[in-house]
Amino acid sequence: MDQPLLSIIMPCYNEAATLPLILEKVEAIDIDKEIIAVDDHSSDHTLELLQAAVARNPRITIVSHPTNRGKGAAVRSGLAHARGKITIIQDADLEYDPNDYYALVKPIVDGRVDVVFGSRFLGSHTGMYFWNAVGNKSLTFLTNFLFNCWISDMETCYKVMRTEIIRNLNLESNDFRLEPEITAKVLKRGYRILEVPISYIGRTYEEGKKMKPSQGFYAIAALFYYRLFN
């Protein structure tokens, strides 16, 4: 099989309610791609839905965790199977729109940069909680301060880069500390981050949102750790 342009790593944990639609949206994108879905030991029908998707689309690969290990571990498991020239991380909910792939991938394909982040704060967005927005802004400010950069959305899911770059970051986080880890390591290695506006429709905790405000403290610790020690 030829090398695809894009590897899409999709961590999945109890996403049966949104999984069929997000897969449909991703599959509809007119980019040569592969989808690597990682079931992080879901207790709902996520794995069965993924197996049904593979039956109709051989360019979907399933990785299944025997225990729940977290988003970071899921991304690392998916990355081990990535064959594409470029890798993007796609949450299995419907907060992010795969139609933004075209704008995210183009600067890398054109050879302008090697790393692109999709910024929710530069594009259209709705449904974000006030304190989550404040937390995101604070973490991004700390990132800019520690790494002498200027970005608007460190916590964005849409982190896109050449596959060899993300693979060489030697990621180690198992949970949501993955986001500051990727950002810190990219910046410490001297890569410039180009931000592209993306759309964002946040879901509520009742709808299954998993990011908790308390996780911001872990992100702060991770930023200092990767700035000072790693």
C-alpha atoms as a PDB file:
ATOM      1  CA  MET A   1       0.000   0.000   0.000  1.00  0.00           C
ATOM      2  CA  ASP A   2       1.313   3.453  -0.959  1.00  0.00           C
ATOM      3  CA  GLN A   3       2.261   5.880   1.773  1.00  0.00           C
ATOM      4  CA  PRO A   4      -0.696   8.184   2.513  1.00  0.00           C
ATOM      5  CA  LEU A   5      -0.242  11.906   2.880  1.00  0.00           C
ATOM      6  CA  LEU A   6      -2.064  12.077   6.206  1.00  0.00           C
ATOM      7  CA  SER A   7      -2.274   9.844   9.258  1.00  0.00           C
ATOM      8  CA  ILE A   8      -5.243  10.683  11.474  1.00  0.00           C
ATOM      9  CA  ILE A   9      -4.878   9.405  15.028  1.00  0.00           C
ATOM     10  CA  MET A  10      -8.255   9.212  16.780  1.00  0.00           C
ATOM     11  CA  PRO A  11      -8.248   8.378  20.514  1.00  0.00           C
ATOM     12  CA  CYS A  12     -11.623   6.926  21.519  1.00  0.00           C
ATOM     13  CA  TYR A  13     -13.012   6.392  24.994  1.00  0.00           C
ATOM     14  CA  ASN A  14     -16.766   5.840  25.365  1.00  0.00           C
ATOM     15  CA  GLU A  15     -17.559   7.847  22.232  1.00  0.00           C
ATOM     16  CA  ALA A  16     -20.300   5.615  20.786  1.00  0.00           C
ATOM     17  CA  ALA A  17     -22.733   8.537  20.629  1.00  0.00           C
ATOM     18  CA  THR A  18     -20.549  10.653  18.333  1.00  0.00           C
ATOM     19  CA  LEU A  19     -18.231   8.121  16.696  1.00  0.00           C
ATOM     20  CA  PRO A  20     -20.317   7.269  13.587  1.00  0.00           C
ATOM     21  CA  LEU A  21     -20.713  10.924  12.634  1.00  0.00           C
ATOM     22  CA  ILE A  22     -17.105  11.952  13.265  1.00  0.00           C
ATOM     23  CA  LEU A  23     -15.893   8.967  11.240  1.00  0.00           C
ATOM     24  CA  GLU A  24     -18.235   9.968   8.428  1.00  0.00           C
ATOM     25  CA  LYS A  25     -16.891  13.522   8.508  1.00  0.00           C
ATOM     26  CA  VAL A  26     -13.255  12.375   8.520  1.00  0.00           C
ATOM     27  CA  GLU A  27     -13.780   9.833   5.739  1.00  0.00           C
ATOM     28  CA  ALA A  28     -15.432  12.506   3.573  1.00  0.00           C
ATOM     29  CA  ILE A  29     -12.288  14.672   3.555  1.00  0.00           C
ATOM     30  CA  ASP A  30     -10.707  14.565   0.106  1.00  0.00           C
ATOM     31  CA  ILE A  31      -7.123  13.980   1.239  1.00  0.00           C
ATOM     32  CA  ASP A  32      -5.125  10.781   0.800  1.00  0.00           C
ATOM     33  CA  LYS A  33      -5.290   9.479   4.349  1.00  0.00           C
ATOM     34  CA  GLU A  34      -5.389   6.660   6.834  1.00  0.00           C
ATOM     35  CA  ILE A  35      -7.366   6.621  10.075  1.00  0.00           C
ATOM     36  CA  ILE A  36      -5.874   4.999  13.167  1.00  0.00           C
ATOM     37  CA  ALA A  37      -8.570   4.685  15.822  1.00  0.00           C
ATOM     38  CA  VAL A  38      -7.415   3.735  19.307  1.00  0.00           C
ATOM     39  CA  ASP A  39     -10.079   2.314  21.600  1.00  0.00           C
ATOM     40  CA  ASP A  40      -8.911   3.080  25.135  1.00  0.00           C
ATOM     41  CA  HIS A  41     -10.849   0.219  26.754  1.00  0.00           C
ATOM     42  CA  SER A  42     -14.299   1.754  26.289  1.00  0.00           C
ATOM     43  CA  SER A  43     -17.201   0.354  28.277  1.00  0.00           C
ATOM     44  CA  ASP A  44     -19.825   1.272  25.666  1.00  0.00           C
ATOM     45  CA  HIS A  45     -20.123   0.146  22.017  1.00  0.00           C
ATOM     46  CA  THR A  46     -17.157   2.160  20.718  1.00  0.00           C
ATOM     47  CA  LEU A  47     -15.088  -0.884  19.779  1.00  0.00           C
ATOM     48  CA  GLU A  48     -17.993  -2.587  17.986  1.00  0.00           C
ATOM     49  CA  LEU A  49     -18.638   0.572  15.964  1.00  0.00           C
ATOM     50  CA  LEU A  50     -14.977   0.760  14.991  1.00  0.00           C
ATOM     51  CA  GLN A  51     -14.983  -2.874  13.903  1.00  0.00           C
ATOM     52  CA  ALA A  52     -18.007  -2.205  11.702  1.00  0.00           C
ATOM     53  CA  ALA A  53     -16.225   0.803  10.185  1.00  0.00           C
ATOM     54  CA  VAL A  54     -13.153  -1.292   9.330  1.00  0.00           C
ATOM     55  CA  ALA A  55     -15.361  -3.809   7.525  1.00  0.00           C
ATOM     56  CA  ARG A  56     -16.334  -1.127   5.001  1.00  0.00           C
ATOM     57  CA  ASN A  57     -13.102   0.893   4.938  1.00  0.00           C
ATOM     58  CA  PRO A  58      -9.776  -0.967   4.948  1.00  0.00           C
ATOM     59  CA  ARG A  59      -7.889   2.304   5.500  1.00  0.00           C
ATOM     60  CA  ILE A  60      -9.102   2.372   9.084  1.00  0.00           C
ATOM     61  CA  THR A  61      -6.845   0.636  11.593  1.00  0.00           C
ATOM     62  CA  ILE A  62      -7.998  -0.245  15.100  1.00  0.00           C
ATOM     63  CA  VAL A  63      -5.685  -0.348  18.084  1.00  0.00           C
ATOM     64  CA  SER A  64      -7.343  -1.658  21.256  1.00  0.00           C
ATOM     65  CA  HIS A  65      -6.071  -1.093  24.803  1.00  0.00           C
ATOM     66  CA  PRO A  66      -6.760  -3.885  27.326  1.00  0.00           C
ATOM     67  CA  THR A  67      -7.044  -1.253  30.083  1.00  0.00           C
ATOM     68  CA  ASN A  68      -7.936   2.429  30.134  1.00  0.00           C
ATOM     69  CA  ARG A  69      -4.663   4.319  29.843  1.00  0.00           C
ATOM     70  CA  GLY A  70      -5.588   7.888  28.843  1.00  0.00           C
ATOM     71  CA  LYS A  71      -5.469  10.119  25.775  1.00  0.00           C
ATOM     72  CA  GLY A  72      -1.688  10.459  25.710  1.00  0.00           C
ATOM     73  CA  ALA A  73      -1.205   6.703  25.754  1.00  0.00           C
ATOM     74  CA  ALA A  74      -3.801   6.339  22.999  1.00  0.00           C
ATOM     75  CA  VAL A  75      -2.009   8.859  20.795  1.00  0.00           C
ATOM     76  CA  ARG A  76       1.317   7.119  21.370  1.00  0.00           C
ATOM     77  CA  SER A  77      -0.213   3.753  20.459  1.00  0.00           C
ATOM     78  CA  GLY A  78      -1.687   5.229  17.302  1.00  0.00           C
ATOM     79  CA  LEU A  79       1.563   6.920  16.364  1.00  0.00           C
ATOM     80  CA  ALA A  80       3.325   3.554  16.381  1.00  0.00           C
ATOM     81  CA  HIS A  81       1.112   2.562  13.437  1.00  0.00           C
ATOM     82  CA  ALA A  82       1.225   5.852  11.499  1.00  0.00           C
ATOM     83  CA  ARG A  83       2.526   5.598   7.926  1.00  0.00           C
ATOM     84  CA  GLY A  84       1.548   9.018   6.598  1.00  0.00           C
ATOM     85  CA  LYS A  85       3.891  11.876   5.816  1.00  0.00           C
ATOM     86  CA  ILE A  86       1.892  14.179   8.092  1.00  0.00           C
ATOM     87  CA  THR A  87       0.093  13.325  11.343  1.00  0.00           C
ATOM     88  CA  ILE A  88      -2.928  14.996  12.915  1.00  0.00           C
ATOM     89  CA  ILE A  89      -4.727  14.166  16.160  1.00  0.00           C
ATOM     90  CA  GLN A  90      -8.532  14.031  15.965  1.00  0.00           C
ATOM     91  CA  ASP A  91     -10.742  13.720  19.043  1.00  0.00           C
ATOM     92  CA  ALA A  92     -13.686  11.376  18.562  1.00  0.00           C
ATOM     93  CA  ASP A  93     -16.272  13.881  19.747  1.00  0.00           C
ATOM     94  CA  LEU A  94     -17.723  16.562  17.469  1.00  0.00           C
ATOM     95  CA  GLU A  95     -15.980  19.612  18.951  1.00  0.00           C
ATOM     96  CA  TYR A  96     -13.490  19.920  16.075  1.00  0.00           C
ATOM     97  CA  ASP A  97     -14.391  20.026  12.379  1.00  0.00           C
ATOM     98  CA  PRO A  98     -12.348  17.814  10.005  1.00  0.00           C
ATOM     99  CA  ASN A  99     -13.116  20.268   7.193  1.00  0.00           C
ATOM    100  CA  ASP A 100     -10.334  22.357   8.712  1.00  0.00           C
ATOM    101  CA  TYR A 101      -7.792  19.715   7.615  1.00  0.00           C
ATOM    102  CA  TYR A 102      -7.300  21.424   4.256  1.00  0.00           C
ATOM    103  CA  ALA A 103      -6.101  24.687   5.835  1.00  0.00           C
ATOM    104  CA  LEU A 104      -4.060  22.846   8.463  1.00  0.00           C
ATOM    105  CA  VAL A 105      -2.176  20.583   6.065  1.00  0.00           C
ATOM    106  CA  LYS A 106      -1.555  23.050   3.231  1.00  0.00           C
ATOM    107  CA  PRO A 107       1.290  25.082   4.843  1.00  0.00           C
ATOM    108  CA  ILE A 108       3.195  21.847   5.489  1.00  0.00           C
ATOM    109  CA  VAL A 109       2.563  20.458   2.004  1.00  0.00           C
ATOM    110  CA  ASP A 110       3.685  23.792   0.541  1.00  0.00           C
ATOM    111  CA  GLY A 111       6.949  23.570   2.497  1.00  0.00           C
ATOM    112  CA  ARG A 112       6.344  26.763   4.466  1.00  0.00           C
ATOM    113  CA  VAL A 113       6.520  25.194   7.939  1.00  0.00           C
ATOM    114  CA  ASP A 114       6.756  21.767   9.547  1.00  0.00           C
ATOM    115  CA  VAL A 115       4.283  22.302  12.421  1.00  0.00           C
ATOM    116  CA  VAL A 116       0.774  23.778  12.362  1.00  0.00           C
ATOM    117  CA  PHE A 117      -1.620  24.277  15.281  1.00  0.00           C
ATOM    118  CA  GLY A 118      -5.320  24.909  14.793  1.00  0.00           C
ATOM    119  CA  SER A 119      -6.351  27.808  17.028  1.00  0.00           C
ATOM    120  CA  ARG A 120      -9.864  27.927  18.436  1.00  0.00           C
ATOM    121  CA  PHE A 121      -9.334  31.510  19.547  1.00  0.00           C
ATOM    122  CA  LEU A 122      -8.548  32.778  16.046  1.00  0.00           C
ATOM    123  CA  GLY A 123     -11.567  31.101  14.467  1.00  0.00           C
ATOM    124  CA  SER A 124     -15.299  30.805  15.122  1.00  0.00           C
ATOM    125  CA  HIS A 125     -16.257  29.034  18.322  1.00  0.00           C
ATOM    126  CA  THR A 126     -19.131  28.462  20.682  1.00  0.00           C
ATOM    127  CA  GLY A 127     -19.950  26.396  23.734  1.00  0.00           C
ATOM    128  CA  MET A 128     -16.663  26.896  25.579  1.00  0.00           C
ATOM    129  CA  TYR A 129     -17.059  27.369  29.311  1.00  0.00           C
ATOM    130  CA  PHE A 130     -15.811  30.714  30.636  1.00  0.00           C
ATOM    131  CA  TRP A 131     -13.419  29.179  33.155  1.00  0.00           C
ATOM    132  CA  ASN A 132     -12.153  26.661  30.606  1.00  0.00           C
ATOM    133  CA  ALA A 133     -11.396  29.566  28.281  1.00  0.00           C
ATOM    134  CA  VAL A 134      -9.601  31.423  31.078  1.00  0.00           C
ATOM    135  CA  GLY A 135      -7.633  28.281  31.884  1.00  0.00           C
ATOM    136  CA  ASN A 136      -6.666  27.788  28.259  1.00  0.00           C
ATOM    137  CA  LYS A 137      -5.583  31.410  27.930  1.00  0.00           C
ATOM    138  CA  SER A 138      -3.547  31.176  31.139  1.00  0.00           C
ATOM    139  CA  LEU A 139      -1.780  27.999  30.069  1.00  0.00           C
ATOM    140  CA  THR A 140      -1.031  29.538  26.680  1.00  0.00           C
ATOM    141  CA  PHE A 141       0.347  32.691  28.340  1.00  0.00           C
ATOM    142  CA  LEU A 142       2.608  30.532  30.512  1.00  0.00           C
ATOM    143  CA  THR A 143       3.766  28.639  27.413  1.00  0.00           C
ATOM    144  CA  ASN A 144       4.609  31.900  25.648  1.00  0.00           C
ATOM    145  CA  PHE A 145       6.488  33.150  28.733  1.00  0.00           C
ATOM    146  CA  LEU A 146       8.488  29.972  29.300  1.00  0.00           C
ATOM    147  CA  PHE A 147       9.378  29.308  25.669  1.00  0.00           C
ATOM    148  CA  ASN A 148       9.574  32.867  24.299  1.00  0.00           C
ATOM    149  CA  CYS A 149       6.952  32.219  21.638  1.00  0.00           C
ATOM    150  CA  TRP A 150       3.619  33.760  20.672  1.00  0.00           C
ATOM    151  CA  ILE A 151       0.747  31.348  20.134  1.00  0.00           C
ATOM    152  CA  SER A 152      -2.920  31.659  21.050  1.00  0.00           C
ATOM    153  CA  ASP A 153      -4.020  28.078  21.791  1.00  0.00           C
ATOM    154  CA  MET A 154      -1.556  25.669  23.371  1.00  0.00           C
ATOM    155  CA  GLU A 155      -4.248  23.166  24.402  1.00  0.00           C
ATOM    156  CA  THR A 156      -5.733  22.713  20.929  1.00  0.00           C
ATOM    157  CA  CYS A 157      -6.366  19.147  19.816  1.00  0.00           C
ATOM    158  CA  TYR A 158      -5.392  19.976  16.230  1.00  0.00           C
ATOM    159  CA  LYS A 159      -1.621  19.700  16.364  1.00  0.00           C
ATOM    160  CA  VAL A 160      -0.356  18.842  12.884  1.00  0.00           C
ATOM    161  CA  MET A 161       3.218  18.101  11.851  1.00  0.00           C
ATOM    162  CA  ARG A 162       5.417  15.900   9.754  1.00  0.00           C
ATOM    163  CA  THR A 163       5.215  12.395  11.144  1.00  0.00           C
ATOM    164  CA  GLU A 164       8.950  12.062  11.698  1.00  0.00           C
ATOM    165  CA  ILE A 165       8.850  15.166  13.900  1.00  0.00           C
ATOM    166  CA  ILE A 166       6.133  13.960  16.262  1.00  0.00           C
ATOM    167  CA  ARG A 167       7.690  10.513  16.346  1.00  0.00           C
ATOM    168  CA  ASN A 168      11.071  11.967  17.307  1.00  0.00           C
ATOM    169  CA  LEU A 169       9.514  13.882  20.207  1.00  0.00           C
ATOM    170  CA  ASN A 170       9.563  10.592  22.146  1.00  0.00           C
ATOM    171  CA  LEU A 171       6.252  11.337  23.833  1.00  0.00           C
ATOM    172  CA  GLU A 172       5.731   9.892  27.298  1.00  0.00           C
ATOM    173  CA  SER A 173       2.505  11.357  28.707  1.00  0.00           C
ATOM    174  CA  ASN A 174      -0.450   9.045  29.272  1.00  0.00           C
ATOM    175  CA  ASP A 175      -3.108  11.652  29.993  1.00  0.00           C
ATOM    176  CA  PHE A 176      -4.013  15.190  28.913  1.00  0.00           C
ATOM    177  CA  ARG A 177      -0.497  16.366  29.764  1.00  0.00           C
ATOM    178  CA  LEU A 178       0.178  15.249  26.213  1.00  0.00           C
ATOM    179  CA  GLU A 179      -0.825  18.713  24.953  1.00  0.00           C
ATOM    180  CA  PRO A 180       1.803  20.736  26.855  1.00  0.00           C
ATOM    181  CA  GLU A 181       4.355  17.986  26.260  1.00  0.00           C
ATOM    182  CA  ILE A 182       3.969  18.153  22.474  1.00  0.00           C
ATOM    183  CA  THR A 183       4.043  21.949  22.477  1.00  0.00           C
ATOM    184  CA  ALA A 184       7.050  22.203  24.793  1.00  0.00           C
ATOM    185  CA  LYS A 185       9.107  19.653  22.900  1.00  0.00           C
ATOM    186  CA  VAL A 186       8.283  21.175  19.522  1.00  0.00           C
ATOM    187  CA  LEU A 187       9.372  24.606  20.736  1.00  0.00           C
ATOM    188  CA  LYS A 188      12.522  23.355  22.479  1.00  0.00           C
ATOM    189  CA  ARG A 189      13.586  21.694  19.251  1.00  0.00           C
ATOM    190  CA  GLY A 190      13.349  25.025  17.472  1.00  0.00           C
ATOM    191  CA  TYR A 191      10.336  24.421  15.241  1.00  0.00           C
ATOM    192  CA  ARG A 192       8.166  27.391  14.387  1.00  0.00           C
ATOM    193  CA  ILE A 193       4.449  26.883  15.006  1.00  0.00           C
ATOM    194  CA  LEU A 194       2.105  28.357  12.423  1.00  0.00           C
ATOM    195  CA  GLU A 195      -1.411  28.857  13.781  1.00  0.00           C
ATOM    196  CA  VAL A 196      -4.448  28.454  11.528  1.00  0.00           C
ATOM    197  CA  PRO A 197      -7.957  29.510  12.580  1.00  0.00           C
ATOM    198  CA  ILE A 198     -10.322  26.581  13.153  1.00  0.00           C
ATOM    199  CA  SER A 199     -13.955  26.268  14.188  1.00  0.00           C
ATOM    200  CA  TYR A 200     -14.890  24.837  17.573  1.00  0.00           C
ATOM    201  CA  ILE A 201     -18.201  23.744  19.046  1.00  0.00           C
ATOM    202  CA  GLY A 202     -17.590  22.746  22.635  1.00  0.00           C
ATOM    203  CA  ARG A 203     -19.691  20.096  24.305  1.00  0.00           C
ATOM    204  CA  THR A 204     -20.954  20.150  27.874  1.00  0.00           C
ATOM    205  CA  TYR A 205     -19.919  17.819  30.681  1.00  0.00           C
ATOM    206  CA  GLU A 206     -23.376  16.274  30.409  1.00  0.00           C
ATOM    207  CA  GLU A 207     -22.598  15.487  26.778  1.00  0.00           C
ATOM    208  CA  GLY A 208     -19.384  13.732  27.774  1.00  0.00           C
ATOM    209  CA  LYS A 209     -16.688  16.421  27.959  1.00  0.00           C
ATOM    210  CA  LYS A 210     -13.708  14.828  29.720  1.00  0.00           C
ATOM    211  CA  MET A 211     -11.327  17.731  30.352  1.00  0.00           C
ATOM    212  CA  LYS A 212     -11.663  18.867  33.979  1.00  0.00           C
ATOM    213  CA  PRO A 213     -10.490  22.274  35.298  1.00  0.00           C
ATOM    214  CA  SER A 214      -8.250  20.504  37.842  1.00  0.00           C
ATOM    215  CA  GLN A 215      -6.171  19.104  34.979  1.00  0.00           C
ATOM    216  CA  GLY A 216      -4.868  22.606  34.394  1.00  0.00           C
ATOM    217  CA  PHE A 217      -2.573  22.207  37.410  1.00  0.00           C
ATOM    218  CA  TYR A 218      -1.033  19.107  35.852  1.00  0.00           C
ATOM    219  CA  ALA A 219      -0.510  21.042  32.617  1.00  0.00           C
ATOM    220  CA  ILE A 220       1.283  23.819  34.510  1.00  0.00           C
ATOM    221  CA  ALA A 221       3.602  21.296  36.144  1.00  0.00           C
ATOM    222  CA  ALA A 222       4.242  19.663  32.775  1.00  0.00           C
ATOM    223  CA  LEU A 223       5.191  22.977  31.145  1.00  0.00           C
ATOM    224  CA  PHE A 224       7.757  23.716  33.847  1.00  0.00           C
ATOM    225  CA  TYR A 225       9.076  20.157  33.751  1.00  0.00           C
ATOM    226  CA  TYR A 226       9.625  20.119  29.991  1.00  0.00           C
ATOM    227  CA  ARG A 227      11.097  23.622  30.024  1.00  0.00           C
ATOM    228  CA  LEU A 228      13.573  22.948  32.810  1.00  0.00           C
ATOM    229  CA  PHE A 229      14.369  19.246  32.804  1.00  0.00           C
ATOM    230  CA  ASN A 230      13.518  17.548  29.521  1.00  0.00           C
END
